[in-house]
N, C-alpha and C. Protein backbone atom coordinates (compact mmCIF):
# COMPACT_ATOMS: atom_id res chain seq x y z
N MET A 1 -5.98 19.55 -20.69
CA MET A 1 -6.37 18.41 -21.50
C MET A 1 -5.26 17.36 -21.53
N LYS A 2 -4.02 17.84 -21.66
CA LYS A 2 -2.90 16.91 -21.71
C LYS A 2 -2.76 16.16 -20.39
N ARG A 3 -3.03 16.83 -19.27
CA ARG A 3 -2.93 16.20 -17.96
C ARG A 3 -3.91 15.02 -17.86
N THR A 4 -5.15 15.21 -18.35
CA THR A 4 -6.15 14.15 -18.33
C THR A 4 -5.70 12.99 -19.20
N SER A 5 -5.14 13.30 -20.35
CA SER A 5 -4.66 12.25 -21.24
C SER A 5 -3.52 11.46 -20.60
N ASN A 6 -2.62 12.16 -19.91
CA ASN A 6 -1.53 11.48 -19.20
C ASN A 6 -2.08 10.62 -18.08
N LEU A 7 -3.08 11.14 -17.36
CA LEU A 7 -3.69 10.38 -16.27
C LEU A 7 -4.33 9.11 -16.80
N LYS A 8 -5.06 9.22 -17.90
CA LYS A 8 -5.72 8.04 -18.47
C LYS A 8 -4.69 7.01 -18.91
N LYS A 9 -3.60 7.47 -19.51
CA LYS A 9 -2.54 6.56 -19.94
C LYS A 9 -1.92 5.84 -18.75
N GLU A 10 -1.62 6.60 -17.70
CA GLU A 10 -1.02 6.00 -16.50
C GLU A 10 -1.99 5.06 -15.81
N LEU A 11 -3.27 5.42 -15.78
CA LEU A 11 -4.28 4.52 -15.20
C LEU A 11 -4.38 3.22 -15.98
N ALA A 12 -4.36 3.33 -17.29
CA ALA A 12 -4.42 2.12 -18.13
C ALA A 12 -3.22 1.22 -17.85
N THR A 13 -2.05 1.82 -17.74
CA THR A 13 -0.84 1.04 -17.42
C THR A 13 -0.99 0.37 -16.05
N TYR A 14 -1.47 1.12 -15.08
CA TYR A 14 -1.67 0.59 -13.72
C TYR A 14 -2.64 -0.59 -13.74
N ILE A 15 -3.74 -0.42 -14.43
CA ILE A 15 -4.76 -1.48 -14.49
C ILE A 15 -4.18 -2.73 -15.14
N LEU A 16 -3.45 -2.57 -16.21
CA LEU A 16 -2.86 -3.74 -16.88
C LEU A 16 -1.81 -4.43 -16.01
N LYS A 17 -1.04 -3.65 -15.28
CA LYS A 17 -0.05 -4.26 -14.38
C LYS A 17 -0.75 -4.99 -13.23
N LEU A 18 -1.83 -4.42 -12.71
CA LEU A 18 -2.60 -5.11 -11.67
C LEU A 18 -3.18 -6.41 -12.21
N HIS A 19 -3.73 -6.33 -13.40
CA HIS A 19 -4.33 -7.52 -14.01
C HIS A 19 -3.29 -8.63 -14.21
N LYS A 20 -2.14 -8.25 -14.71
CA LYS A 20 -1.06 -9.22 -14.93
C LYS A 20 -0.62 -9.84 -13.60
N ALA A 21 -0.43 -9.00 -12.59
CA ALA A 21 0.01 -9.50 -11.29
C ALA A 21 -1.05 -10.41 -10.68
N ALA A 22 -2.32 -10.06 -10.84
CA ALA A 22 -3.40 -10.89 -10.30
C ALA A 22 -3.40 -12.26 -10.96
N GLN A 23 -3.09 -12.31 -12.23
CA GLN A 23 -3.05 -13.59 -12.94
C GLN A 23 -1.82 -14.41 -12.58
N GLU A 24 -0.73 -13.73 -12.27
CA GLU A 24 0.52 -14.45 -12.04
C GLU A 24 0.80 -14.80 -10.59
N THR A 25 0.08 -14.18 -9.66
CA THR A 25 0.37 -14.42 -8.25
C THR A 25 0.07 -15.87 -7.88
N LYS A 26 0.85 -16.37 -6.97
CA LYS A 26 0.65 -17.73 -6.46
C LYS A 26 -0.09 -17.68 -5.13
N ARG A 27 -0.40 -16.47 -4.67
CA ARG A 27 -1.03 -16.27 -3.36
C ARG A 27 -2.53 -16.01 -3.54
N ALA A 28 -3.34 -16.96 -3.13
CA ALA A 28 -4.79 -16.82 -3.26
C ALA A 28 -5.31 -15.58 -2.55
N GLU A 29 -4.74 -15.27 -1.39
CA GLU A 29 -5.22 -14.11 -0.63
C GLU A 29 -4.93 -12.80 -1.34
N ASP A 30 -3.92 -12.77 -2.19
CA ASP A 30 -3.60 -11.57 -2.94
C ASP A 30 -4.63 -11.29 -4.04
N ARG A 31 -5.23 -12.33 -4.60
CA ARG A 31 -6.17 -12.15 -5.70
C ARG A 31 -7.34 -11.27 -5.30
N GLN A 32 -7.85 -11.43 -4.09
CA GLN A 32 -8.96 -10.60 -3.63
C GLN A 32 -8.54 -9.14 -3.52
N VAL A 33 -7.34 -8.91 -3.09
CA VAL A 33 -6.84 -7.53 -2.97
C VAL A 33 -6.69 -6.92 -4.37
N TYR A 34 -6.16 -7.68 -5.31
CA TYR A 34 -6.04 -7.19 -6.67
C TYR A 34 -7.40 -6.82 -7.25
N GLU A 35 -8.41 -7.63 -6.97
CA GLU A 35 -9.76 -7.34 -7.45
C GLU A 35 -10.26 -6.00 -6.91
N LYS A 36 -9.99 -5.72 -5.66
CA LYS A 36 -10.39 -4.44 -5.06
C LYS A 36 -9.63 -3.29 -5.72
N TYR A 37 -8.34 -3.48 -5.93
CA TYR A 37 -7.54 -2.45 -6.58
C TYR A 37 -8.04 -2.20 -8.01
N LEU A 38 -8.33 -3.27 -8.73
CA LEU A 38 -8.81 -3.14 -10.10
C LEU A 38 -10.14 -2.40 -10.15
N ALA A 39 -11.03 -2.71 -9.24
CA ALA A 39 -12.34 -2.05 -9.21
C ALA A 39 -12.18 -0.55 -8.94
N GLY A 40 -11.35 -0.21 -7.98
CA GLY A 40 -11.12 1.20 -7.66
C GLY A 40 -10.46 1.95 -8.81
N ALA A 41 -9.49 1.31 -9.45
CA ALA A 41 -8.80 1.94 -10.57
C ALA A 41 -9.75 2.14 -11.75
N ALA A 42 -10.68 1.22 -11.93
CA ALA A 42 -11.65 1.34 -13.03
C ALA A 42 -12.54 2.56 -12.82
N VAL A 43 -12.93 2.82 -11.59
CA VAL A 43 -13.75 3.99 -11.29
C VAL A 43 -12.98 5.27 -11.59
N ILE A 44 -11.72 5.31 -11.20
CA ILE A 44 -10.90 6.49 -11.46
C ILE A 44 -10.76 6.72 -12.97
N LEU A 45 -10.50 5.64 -13.70
CA LEU A 45 -10.37 5.75 -15.15
C LEU A 45 -11.67 6.22 -15.78
N ALA A 46 -12.79 5.71 -15.32
CA ALA A 46 -14.09 6.12 -15.85
C ALA A 46 -14.33 7.61 -15.60
N LEU A 47 -14.00 8.08 -14.42
CA LEU A 47 -14.16 9.51 -14.12
C LEU A 47 -13.28 10.37 -15.03
N ALA A 48 -12.05 9.93 -15.23
CA ALA A 48 -11.14 10.67 -16.11
C ALA A 48 -11.66 10.66 -17.55
N GLU A 49 -12.14 9.53 -17.99
CA GLU A 49 -12.65 9.40 -19.36
C GLU A 49 -13.87 10.28 -19.58
N GLU A 50 -14.73 10.38 -18.58
CA GLU A 50 -15.93 11.21 -18.70
C GLU A 50 -15.64 12.70 -18.56
N GLY A 51 -14.43 13.03 -18.17
CA GLY A 51 -14.08 14.43 -18.00
C GLY A 51 -14.62 15.03 -16.71
N SER A 52 -14.74 14.19 -15.70
CA SER A 52 -15.25 14.65 -14.41
C SER A 52 -14.33 15.71 -13.82
N GLU A 53 -14.87 16.46 -12.89
CA GLU A 53 -14.09 17.51 -12.24
C GLU A 53 -12.90 16.90 -11.52
N LYS A 54 -11.84 17.67 -11.49
CA LYS A 54 -10.60 17.20 -10.86
C LYS A 54 -10.84 16.77 -9.41
N GLU A 55 -11.68 17.50 -8.70
CA GLU A 55 -11.95 17.18 -7.30
C GLU A 55 -12.52 15.77 -7.13
N MET A 56 -13.41 15.38 -8.03
CA MET A 56 -13.98 14.03 -7.96
C MET A 56 -12.90 12.97 -8.19
N ILE A 57 -12.05 13.23 -9.16
CA ILE A 57 -10.98 12.28 -9.47
C ILE A 57 -10.00 12.20 -8.31
N VAL A 58 -9.64 13.35 -7.76
CA VAL A 58 -8.71 13.37 -6.62
C VAL A 58 -9.31 12.64 -5.42
N ASN A 59 -10.61 12.81 -5.18
CA ASN A 59 -11.26 12.10 -4.08
C ASN A 59 -11.18 10.59 -4.25
N GLU A 60 -11.38 10.11 -5.48
CA GLU A 60 -11.29 8.67 -5.74
C GLU A 60 -9.85 8.18 -5.61
N ILE A 61 -8.90 8.99 -6.04
CA ILE A 61 -7.49 8.62 -5.90
C ILE A 61 -7.12 8.54 -4.42
N GLN A 62 -7.62 9.47 -3.63
CA GLN A 62 -7.35 9.42 -2.19
C GLN A 62 -7.99 8.19 -1.55
N ALA A 63 -9.20 7.84 -1.97
CA ALA A 63 -9.86 6.63 -1.45
C ALA A 63 -9.06 5.39 -1.83
N HIS A 64 -8.54 5.38 -3.05
CA HIS A 64 -7.73 4.25 -3.51
C HIS A 64 -6.43 4.17 -2.72
N GLU A 65 -5.86 5.32 -2.44
CA GLU A 65 -4.62 5.36 -1.64
C GLU A 65 -4.88 4.80 -0.24
N ARG A 66 -6.04 5.15 0.35
CA ARG A 66 -6.39 4.61 1.67
C ARG A 66 -6.55 3.09 1.59
N LEU A 67 -7.21 2.61 0.54
CA LEU A 67 -7.36 1.16 0.36
C LEU A 67 -5.99 0.50 0.29
N ARG A 68 -5.09 1.07 -0.48
CA ARG A 68 -3.75 0.50 -0.60
C ARG A 68 -3.02 0.55 0.74
N GLY A 69 -3.31 1.55 1.56
CA GLY A 69 -2.67 1.66 2.86
C GLY A 69 -3.20 0.68 3.89
N HIS A 70 -4.44 0.22 3.67
CA HIS A 70 -5.07 -0.69 4.64
C HIS A 70 -5.02 -2.14 4.19
N THR A 71 -4.41 -2.40 3.07
CA THR A 71 -4.28 -3.78 2.57
C THR A 71 -2.81 -4.01 2.23
N TRP A 72 -2.46 -5.23 2.07
CA TRP A 72 -1.08 -5.54 1.68
C TRP A 72 -1.08 -6.80 0.83
N LEU A 73 -0.07 -6.86 0.00
CA LEU A 73 0.12 -8.00 -0.89
C LEU A 73 1.37 -8.73 -0.46
N VAL A 74 1.27 -10.05 -0.43
CA VAL A 74 2.37 -10.87 0.04
C VAL A 74 3.37 -11.14 -1.09
N ASP A 75 2.85 -11.50 -2.23
CA ASP A 75 3.69 -11.87 -3.37
C ASP A 75 4.38 -10.64 -3.95
N GLU A 76 5.54 -10.80 -4.52
CA GLU A 76 6.29 -9.68 -5.09
C GLU A 76 5.81 -9.29 -6.48
N ASP A 77 4.78 -9.97 -7.01
CA ASP A 77 4.25 -9.63 -8.33
C ASP A 77 3.71 -8.21 -8.39
N HIS A 78 3.45 -7.61 -7.25
CA HIS A 78 2.83 -6.29 -7.21
C HIS A 78 3.81 -5.12 -7.39
N ASN A 79 5.08 -5.40 -7.45
CA ASN A 79 6.06 -4.30 -7.53
C ASN A 79 5.84 -3.40 -8.75
N GLY A 80 5.51 -3.97 -9.88
CA GLY A 80 5.26 -3.17 -11.08
C GLY A 80 4.06 -2.27 -10.92
N SER A 81 3.02 -2.78 -10.29
CA SER A 81 1.82 -1.96 -10.10
C SER A 81 2.08 -0.86 -9.08
N ASN A 82 2.91 -1.11 -8.10
CA ASN A 82 3.26 -0.06 -7.13
C ASN A 82 3.92 1.12 -7.82
N ASN A 83 4.84 0.83 -8.72
CA ASN A 83 5.52 1.90 -9.46
C ASN A 83 4.54 2.66 -10.35
N ALA A 84 3.61 1.93 -10.97
CA ALA A 84 2.61 2.57 -11.82
C ALA A 84 1.70 3.47 -10.98
N TRP A 85 1.35 3.04 -9.77
CA TRP A 85 0.52 3.85 -8.89
C TRP A 85 1.23 5.15 -8.51
N LYS A 86 2.51 5.06 -8.25
CA LYS A 86 3.29 6.26 -7.90
C LYS A 86 3.24 7.28 -9.05
N ARG A 87 3.31 6.80 -10.28
CA ARG A 87 3.27 7.70 -11.43
C ARG A 87 1.91 8.39 -11.53
N ILE A 88 0.84 7.67 -11.20
CA ILE A 88 -0.50 8.27 -11.23
C ILE A 88 -0.57 9.44 -10.26
N LYS A 89 -0.05 9.23 -9.07
CA LYS A 89 -0.09 10.29 -8.06
C LYS A 89 0.73 11.50 -8.49
N GLU A 90 1.77 11.28 -9.27
CA GLU A 90 2.60 12.37 -9.77
C GLU A 90 1.88 13.19 -10.83
N VAL A 91 1.06 12.53 -11.65
CA VAL A 91 0.36 13.18 -12.74
C VAL A 91 -0.75 14.09 -12.21
N VAL A 92 -1.39 13.65 -11.14
CA VAL A 92 -2.51 14.43 -10.60
C VAL A 92 -1.94 15.57 -9.85
């Protein structure tokens, strides 16, 4: 139970950092990437909140990791969200 609570907390932090970076970036092309990241993170948070099986959550985290691996952000505003993402992977 504590692990799920930690995951939800870390996901919330990640989402807020993505949101902040999306608002502050000066790069129009980065905004679309942030939107994709935010949508994926929202699904993971919803699964965690509903108490879905760990396998479902892990599958979504892996899909999100692939998305992050196939996209890139130009502006440095994303550094905070990168660190938050690393913490999510540690919790799972």
